[in-house]
Amino acid sequence: MNEGGPAFPSQPLNACGQPCGDLQPGMTLRDYFAAKALQGACAVTGIDFGGPKGVAGMSYEIADAMIAERSKAEGRAS
């Protein structure tokens, strides 16, 4: 499954502000997209998404679709 890579990679810095240690990938882009979709779904009132499992599943379906579209766009830009 394409997770989209890291959403917010970071690297620890020493006291002088120089990079040290291993790069920390943070959350995946897929998780970030799903969280944004979940946020939007929770902001909507009056729509039954099928409970918590339904809205969580829908959020990841949206995230997967966003990653697929992003991959297509990257292929066109090459």
PDB file of N, CA and C in Angstrom:
ATOM      1  N   MET A   1       0.845  -1.187   0.000  1.00  0.00           N
ATOM      2  CA  MET A   1       0.000   0.000   0.000  1.00  0.00           C
ATOM      3  C   MET A   1       0.884   1.243   0.000  1.00  0.00           C
ATOM      4  N   ASN A   2       0.527   2.192  -0.798  1.00  0.00           N
ATOM      5  CA  ASN A   2       1.256   3.452  -0.873  1.00  0.00           C
ATOM      6  C   ASN A   2       0.824   4.349   0.285  1.00  0.00           C
ATOM      7  N   GLU A   3       1.735   4.600   1.202  1.00  0.00           N
ATOM      8  CA  GLU A   3       1.453   5.467   2.349  1.00  0.00           C
ATOM      9  C   GLU A   3       1.722   6.933   2.033  1.00  0.00           C
ATOM     10  N   GLY A   4       2.303   7.213   0.868  1.00  0.00           N
ATOM     11  CA  GLY A   4       2.565   8.591   0.466  1.00  0.00           C
ATOM     12  C   GLY A   4       3.851   9.173   1.004  1.00  0.00           C
ATOM     13  N   GLY A   5       4.598   8.402   1.782  1.00  0.00           N
ATOM     14  CA  GLY A   5       5.818   8.922   2.380  1.00  0.00           C
ATOM     15  C   GLY A   5       5.522   9.700   3.647  1.00  0.00           C
ATOM     16  N   PRO A   6       6.561  10.265   4.259  1.00  0.00           N
ATOM     17  CA  PRO A   6       6.358  11.013   5.497  1.00  0.00           C
ATOM     18  C   PRO A   6       5.691  12.362   5.244  1.00  0.00           C
ATOM     19  N   ALA A   7       4.804  12.742   6.148  1.00  0.00           N
ATOM     20  CA  ALA A   7       4.127  14.035   6.020  1.00  0.00           C
ATOM     21  C   ALA A   7       4.985  15.165   6.597  1.00  0.00           C
ATOM     22  N   PHE A   8       5.610  14.917   7.719  1.00  0.00           N
ATOM     23  CA  PHE A   8       6.380  15.962   8.403  1.00  0.00           C
ATOM     24  C   PHE A   8       7.694  15.399   8.933  1.00  0.00           C
ATOM     25  N   PRO A   9       8.623  15.032   8.052  1.00  0.00           N
ATOM     26  CA  PRO A   9       9.893  14.504   8.545  1.00  0.00           C
ATOM     27  C   PRO A   9      10.668  15.593   9.293  1.00  0.00           C
ATOM     28  N   SER A  10      11.434  15.157  10.274  1.00  0.00           N
ATOM     29  CA  SER A  10      12.248  16.121  11.022  1.00  0.00           C
ATOM     30  C   SER A  10      13.537  15.442  11.458  1.00  0.00           C
ATOM     31  N   GLN A  11      14.491  16.248  11.815  1.00  0.00           N
ATOM     32  CA  GLN A  11      15.752  15.716  12.301  1.00  0.00           C
ATOM     33  C   GLN A  11      16.109  16.442  13.592  1.00  0.00           C
ATOM     34  N   PRO A  12      16.484  15.685  14.614  1.00  0.00           N
ATOM     35  CA  PRO A  12      16.870  16.331  15.870  1.00  0.00           C
ATOM     36  C   PRO A  12      18.060  17.269  15.656  1.00  0.00           C
ATOM     37  N   LEU A  13      18.108  18.308  16.449  1.00  0.00           N
ATOM     38  CA  LEU A  13      19.221  19.268  16.379  1.00  0.00           C
ATOM     39  C   LEU A  13      19.974  19.255  17.704  1.00  0.00           C
ATOM     40  N   ASN A  14      21.268  19.479  17.629  1.00  0.00           N
ATOM     41  CA  ASN A  14      22.052  19.583  18.857  1.00  0.00           C
ATOM     42  C   ASN A  14      21.917  20.996  19.430  1.00  0.00           C
ATOM     43  N   ALA A  15      22.640  21.277  20.505  1.00  0.00           N
ATOM     44  CA  ALA A  15      22.545  22.580  21.173  1.00  0.00           C
ATOM     45  C   ALA A  15      22.961  23.731  20.265  1.00  0.00           C
ATOM     46  N   CYS A  16      23.778  23.444  19.252  1.00  0.00           N
ATOM     47  CA  CYS A  16      24.229  24.484  18.323  1.00  0.00           C
ATOM     48  C   CYS A  16      23.315  24.615  17.106  1.00  0.00           C
ATOM     49  N   GLY A  17      22.257  23.826  17.083  1.00  0.00           N
ATOM     50  CA  GLY A  17      21.330  23.895  15.965  1.00  0.00           C
ATOM     51  C   GLY A  17      21.733  23.066  14.763  1.00  0.00           C
ATOM     52  N   GLN A  18      22.726  22.212  14.937  1.00  0.00           N
ATOM     53  CA  GLN A  18      23.199  21.358  13.848  1.00  0.00           C
ATOM     54  C   GLN A  18      22.432  20.032  13.866  1.00  0.00           C
ATOM     55  N   PRO A  19      22.106  19.503  12.681  1.00  0.00           N
ATOM     56  CA  PRO A  19      21.408  18.212  12.633  1.00  0.00           C
ATOM     57  C   PRO A  19      22.234  17.109  13.292  1.00  0.00           C
ATOM     58  N   CYS A  20      21.569  16.279  14.058  1.00  0.00           N
ATOM     59  CA  CYS A  20      22.218  15.136  14.681  1.00  0.00           C
ATOM     60  C   CYS A  20      21.193  14.011  14.789  1.00  0.00           C
ATOM     61  N   GLY A  21      21.653  12.808  14.788  1.00  0.00           N
ATOM     62  CA  GLY A  21      20.739  11.687  14.939  1.00  0.00           C
ATOM     63  C   GLY A  21      20.031  11.351  13.640  1.00  0.00           C
ATOM     64  N   ASP A  22      19.164  10.375  13.725  1.00  0.00           N
ATOM     65  CA  ASP A  22      18.445   9.880  12.559  1.00  0.00           C
ATOM     66  C   ASP A  22      17.244  10.756  12.214  1.00  0.00           C
ATOM     67  N   LEU A  23      16.943  10.808  10.930  1.00  0.00           N
ATOM     68  CA  LEU A  23      15.757  11.511  10.461  1.00  0.00           C
ATOM     69  C   LEU A  23      14.522  10.816  11.010  1.00  0.00           C
ATOM     70  N   GLN A  24      13.622  11.559  11.586  1.00  0.00           N
ATOM     71  CA  GLN A  24      12.377  11.021  12.133  1.00  0.00           C
ATOM     72  C   GLN A  24      11.277  11.243  11.112  1.00  0.00           C
ATOM     73  N   PRO A  25      10.653  10.167  10.605  1.00  0.00           N
ATOM     74  CA  PRO A  25       9.686  10.334   9.528  1.00  0.00           C
ATOM     75  C   PRO A  25       8.378  10.986   9.950  1.00  0.00           C
ATOM     76  N   GLY A  26       7.992  10.872  11.204  1.00  0.00           N
ATOM     77  CA  GLY A  26       6.705  11.418  11.623  1.00  0.00           C
ATOM     78  C   GLY A  26       5.558  10.610  11.045  1.00  0.00           C
ATOM     79  N   MET A  27       4.380  11.185  10.992  1.00  0.00           N
ATOM     80  CA  MET A  27       3.210  10.471  10.468  1.00  0.00           C
ATOM     81  C   MET A  27       3.296  10.342   8.951  1.00  0.00           C
ATOM     82  N   THR A  28       2.566   9.375   8.420  1.00  0.00           N
ATOM     83  CA  THR A  28       2.555   9.210   6.966  1.00  0.00           C
ATOM     84  C   THR A  28       1.625  10.238   6.343  1.00  0.00           C
ATOM     85  N   LEU A  29       1.848  10.481   5.073  1.00  0.00           N
ATOM     86  CA  LEU A  29       0.970  11.395   4.349  1.00  0.00           C
ATOM     87  C   LEU A  29      -0.456  10.836   4.311  1.00  0.00           C
ATOM     88  N   ARG A  30      -0.575   9.503   4.219  1.00  0.00           N
ATOM     89  CA  ARG A  30      -1.896   8.862   4.218  1.00  0.00           C
ATOM     90  C   ARG A  30      -2.635   9.161   5.522  1.00  0.00           C
ATOM     91  N   ASP A  31      -1.949   9.041   6.664  1.00  0.00           N
ATOM     92  CA  ASP A  31      -2.575   9.349   7.953  1.00  0.00           C
ATOM     93  C   ASP A  31      -2.961  10.827   8.034  1.00  0.00           C
ATOM     94  N   TYR A  32      -2.121  11.696   7.504  1.00  0.00           N
ATOM     95  CA  TYR A  32      -2.416  13.132   7.519  1.00  0.00           C
ATOM     96  C   TYR A  32      -3.654  13.446   6.684  1.00  0.00           C
ATOM     97  N   PHE A  33      -3.707  12.872   5.463  1.00  0.00           N
ATOM     98  CA  PHE A  33      -4.879  13.082   4.620  1.00  0.00           C
ATOM     99  C   PHE A  33      -6.135  12.531   5.284  1.00  0.00           C
ATOM    100  N   ALA A  34      -6.031  11.348   5.904  1.00  0.00           N
ATOM    101  CA  ALA A  34      -7.191  10.745   6.568  1.00  0.00           C
ATOM    102  C   ALA A  34      -7.658  11.619   7.729  1.00  0.00           C
ATOM    103  N   ALA A  35      -6.726  12.181   8.467  1.00  0.00           N
ATOM    104  CA  ALA A  35      -7.092  13.052   9.582  1.00  0.00           C
ATOM    105  C   ALA A  35      -7.829  14.290   9.091  1.00  0.00           C
ATOM    106  N   LYS A  36      -7.380  14.853   7.973  1.00  0.00           N
ATOM    107  CA  LYS A  36      -8.059  16.027   7.414  1.00  0.00           C
ATOM    108  C   LYS A  36      -9.456  15.665   6.917  1.00  0.00           C
ATOM    109  N   ALA A  37      -9.592  14.499   6.294  1.00  0.00           N
ATOM    110  CA  ALA A  37     -10.914  14.057   5.833  1.00  0.00           C
ATOM    111  C   ALA A  37     -11.831  13.810   7.030  1.00  0.00           C
ATOM    112  N   LEU A  38     -11.294  13.209   8.082  1.00  0.00           N
ATOM    113  CA  LEU A  38     -12.072  12.964   9.299  1.00  0.00           C
ATOM    114  C   LEU A  38     -12.522  14.274   9.920  1.00  0.00           C
ATOM    115  N   GLN A  39     -11.638  15.242   9.937  1.00  0.00           N
ATOM    116  CA  GLN A  39     -11.973  16.564  10.482  1.00  0.00           C
ATOM    117  C   GLN A  39     -13.138  17.176   9.710  1.00  0.00           C
ATOM    118  N   GLY A  40     -13.088  17.084   8.395  1.00  0.00           N
ATOM    119  CA  GLY A  40     -14.182  17.618   7.582  1.00  0.00           C
ATOM    120  C   GLY A  40     -15.477  16.873   7.809  1.00  0.00           C
ATOM    121  N   ALA A  41     -15.406  15.556   7.900  1.00  0.00           N
ATOM    122  CA  ALA A  41     -16.614  14.760   8.116  1.00  0.00           C
ATOM    123  C   ALA A  41     -17.238  15.072   9.465  1.00  0.00           C
ATOM    124  N   CYS A  42     -16.416  15.285  10.471  1.00  0.00           N
ATOM    125  CA  CYS A  42     -16.933  15.587  11.810  1.00  0.00           C
ATOM    126  C   CYS A  42     -17.553  16.988  11.878  1.00  0.00           C
ATOM    127  N   ALA A  43     -17.161  17.860  10.965  1.00  0.00           N
ATOM    128  CA  ALA A  43     -17.702  19.216  10.947  1.00  0.00           C
ATOM    129  C   ALA A  43     -19.088  19.269  10.303  1.00  0.00           C
ATOM    130  N   VAL A  44     -19.440  18.213   9.563  1.00  0.00           N
ATOM    131  CA  VAL A  44     -20.726  18.165   8.872  1.00  0.00           C
ATOM    132  C   VAL A  44     -21.779  17.606   9.821  1.00  0.00           C
ATOM    133  N   THR A  45     -22.925  18.251   9.884  1.00  0.00           N
ATOM    134  CA  THR A  45     -23.997  17.739  10.736  1.00  0.00           C
ATOM    135  C   THR A  45     -25.121  17.173   9.882  1.00  0.00           C
ATOM    136  N   GLY A  46     -25.819  16.221  10.443  1.00  0.00           N
ATOM    137  CA  GLY A  46     -27.001  15.669   9.782  1.00  0.00           C
ATOM    138  C   GLY A  46     -26.716  14.582   8.759  1.00  0.00           C
ATOM    139  N   ILE A  47     -25.486  14.114   8.648  1.00  0.00           N
ATOM    140  CA  ILE A  47     -25.163  13.038   7.715  1.00  0.00           C
ATOM    141  C   ILE A  47     -24.705  11.832   8.519  1.00  0.00           C
ATOM    142  N   ASP A  48     -25.288  10.670   8.224  1.00  0.00           N
ATOM    143  CA  ASP A  48     -24.909   9.438   8.904  1.00  0.00           C
ATOM    144  C   ASP A  48     -23.802   8.756   8.113  1.00  0.00           C
ATOM    145  N   PHE A  49     -22.611   8.728   8.676  1.00  0.00           N
ATOM    146  CA  PHE A  49     -21.474   8.088   8.025  1.00  0.00           C
ATOM    147  C   PHE A  49     -21.316   6.638   8.461  1.00  0.00           C
ATOM    148  N   GLY A  50     -22.257   6.133   9.247  1.00  0.00           N
ATOM    149  CA  GLY A  50     -22.187   4.749   9.699  1.00  0.00           C
ATOM    150  C   GLY A  50     -21.418   4.566  10.989  1.00  0.00           C
ATOM    151  N   GLY A  51     -21.423   5.555  11.824  1.00  0.00           N
ATOM    152  CA  GLY A  51     -20.740   5.452  13.105  1.00  0.00           C
ATOM    153  C   GLY A  51     -19.241   5.658  12.973  1.00  0.00           C
ATOM    154  N   PRO A  52     -18.533   5.484  14.088  1.00  0.00           N
ATOM    155  CA  PRO A  52     -17.086   5.718  14.095  1.00  0.00           C
ATOM    156  C   PRO A  52     -16.318   4.873  13.081  1.00  0.00           C
ATOM    157  N   LYS A  53     -16.645   3.596  12.965  1.00  0.00           N
ATOM    158  CA  LYS A  53     -15.936   2.752  12.003  1.00  0.00           C
ATOM    159  C   LYS A  53     -16.225   3.194  10.576  1.00  0.00           C
ATOM    160  N   GLY A  54     -17.446   3.620  10.314  1.00  0.00           N
ATOM    161  CA  GLY A  54     -17.807   4.081   8.974  1.00  0.00           C
ATOM    162  C   GLY A  54     -17.073   5.344   8.583  1.00  0.00           C
ATOM    163  N   VAL A  55     -17.021   6.299   9.490  1.00  0.00           N
ATOM    164  CA  VAL A  55     -16.350   7.565   9.167  1.00  0.00           C
ATOM    165  C   VAL A  55     -14.837   7.369   9.091  1.00  0.00           C
ATOM    166  N   ALA A  56     -14.280   6.473   9.926  1.00  0.00           N
ATOM    167  CA  ALA A  56     -12.843   6.195   9.847  1.00  0.00           C
ATOM    168  C   ALA A  56     -12.499   5.524   8.516  1.00  0.00           C
ATOM    169  N   GLY A  57     -13.309   4.546   8.115  1.00  0.00           N
ATOM    170  CA  GLY A  57     -13.068   3.872   6.843  1.00  0.00           C
ATOM    171  C   GLY A  57     -13.181   4.827   5.671  1.00  0.00           C
ATOM    172  N   MET A  58     -14.198   5.686   5.709  1.00  0.00           N
ATOM    173  CA  MET A  58     -14.375   6.668   4.644  1.00  0.00           C
ATOM    174  C   MET A  58     -13.185   7.625   4.587  1.00  0.00           C
ATOM    175  N   SER A  59     -12.669   8.012   5.744  1.00  0.00           N
ATOM    176  CA  SER A  59     -11.533   8.930   5.787  1.00  0.00           C
ATOM    177  C   SER A  59     -10.314   8.323   5.111  1.00  0.00           C
ATOM    178  N   TYR A  60     -10.071   7.046   5.347  1.00  0.00           N
ATOM    179  CA  TYR A  60      -8.924   6.395   4.698  1.00  0.00           C
ATOM    180  C   TYR A  60      -9.181   6.141   3.217  1.00  0.00           C
ATOM    181  N   GLU A  61     -10.420   5.913   2.839  1.00  0.00           N
ATOM    182  CA  GLU A  61     -10.735   5.796   1.406  1.00  0.00           C
ATOM    183  C   GLU A  61     -10.431   7.111   0.694  1.00  0.00           C
ATOM    184  N   ILE A  62     -10.793   8.214   1.317  1.00  0.00           N
ATOM    185  CA  ILE A  62     -10.497   9.530   0.745  1.00  0.00           C
ATOM    186  C   ILE A  62      -8.988   9.742   0.678  1.00  0.00           C
ATOM    187  N   ALA A  63      -8.291   9.382   1.747  1.00  0.00           N
ATOM    188  CA  ALA A  63      -6.830   9.532   1.767  1.00  0.00           C
ATOM    189  C   ALA A  63      -6.187   8.710   0.653  1.00  0.00           C
ATOM    190  N   ASP A  64      -6.651   7.472   0.464  1.00  0.00           N
ATOM    191  CA  ASP A  64      -6.098   6.625  -0.596  1.00  0.00           C
ATOM    192  C   ASP A  64      -6.358   7.233  -1.974  1.00  0.00           C
ATOM    193  N   ALA A  65      -7.544   7.799  -2.156  1.00  0.00           N
ATOM    194  CA  ALA A  65      -7.866   8.445  -3.436  1.00  0.00           C
ATOM    195  C   ALA A  65      -6.982   9.672  -3.660  1.00  0.00           C
ATOM    196  N   MET A  66      -6.725  10.419  -2.599  1.00  0.00           N
ATOM    197  CA  MET A  66      -5.863  11.599  -2.727  1.00  0.00           C
ATOM    198  C   MET A  66      -4.434  11.198  -3.086  1.00  0.00           C
ATOM    199  N   ILE A  67      -3.931  10.127  -2.481  1.00  0.00           N
ATOM    200  CA  ILE A  67      -2.574   9.658  -2.801  1.00  0.00           C
ATOM    201  C   ILE A  67      -2.516   9.154  -4.236  1.00  0.00           C
ATOM    202  N   ALA A  68      -3.558   8.445  -4.678  1.00  0.00           N
ATOM    203  CA  ALA A  68      -3.590   7.950  -6.061  1.00  0.00           C
ATOM    204  C   ALA A  68      -3.579   9.115  -7.043  1.00  0.00           C
ATOM    205  N   GLU A  69      -4.370  10.140  -6.787  1.00  0.00           N
ATOM    206  CA  GLU A  69      -4.394  11.313  -7.667  1.00  0.00           C
ATOM    207  C   GLU A  69      -3.051  12.035  -7.649  1.00  0.00           C
ATOM    208  N   ARG A  70      -2.463  12.113  -6.491  1.00  0.00           N
ATOM    209  CA  ARG A  70      -1.157  12.755  -6.355  1.00  0.00           C
ATOM    210  C   ARG A  70      -0.105  12.001  -7.165  1.00  0.00           C
ATOM    211  N   SER A  71      -0.158  10.680  -7.125  1.00  0.00           N
ATOM    212  CA  SER A  71       0.782   9.855  -7.880  1.00  0.00           C
ATOM    213  C   SER A  71       0.606  10.064  -9.379  1.00  0.00           C
ATOM    214  N   LYS A  72      -0.652  10.179  -9.821  1.00  0.00           N
ATOM    215  CA  LYS A  72      -0.917  10.431 -11.243  1.00  0.00           C
ATOM    216  C   LYS A  72      -0.349  11.793 -11.647  1.00  0.00           C
ATOM    217  N   ALA A  73      -0.560  12.788 -10.818  1.00  0.00           N
ATOM    218  CA  ALA A  73      -0.079  14.137 -11.112  1.00  0.00           C
ATOM    219  C   ALA A  73       1.445  14.159 -11.167  1.00  0.00           C
ATOM    220  N   GLU A  74       2.110  13.421 -10.273  1.00  0.00           N
ATOM    221  CA  GLU A  74       3.565  13.375 -10.280  1.00  0.00           C
ATOM    222  C   GLU A  74       4.063  12.708 -11.554  1.00  0.00           C
ATOM    223  N   GLY A  75       3.328  11.708 -12.051  1.00  0.00           N
ATOM    224  CA  GLY A  75       3.693  11.041 -13.306  1.00  0.00           C
ATOM    225  C   GLY A  75       3.582  11.975 -14.495  1.00  0.00           C
ATOM    226  N   ARG A  76       2.592  12.857 -14.462  1.00  0.00           N
ATOM    227  CA  ARG A  76       2.417  13.821 -15.556  1.00  0.00           C
ATOM    228  C   ARG A  76       3.478  14.901 -15.522  1.00  0.00           C
ATOM    229  N   ALA A  77       3.959  15.221 -14.314  1.00  0.00           N
ATOM    230  CA  ALA A  77       4.938  16.304 -14.175  1.00  0.00           C
ATOM    231  C   ALA A  77       6.348  15.855 -14.564  1.00  0.00           C
ATOM    232  N   SER A  78       6.578  14.563 -14.643  1.00  0.00           N
ATOM    233  CA  SER A  78       7.921  14.055 -14.951  1.00  0.00           C
ATOM    234  C   SER A  78       8.270  14.250 -16.405  1.00  0.00           C
TER     235      SER A  78
END
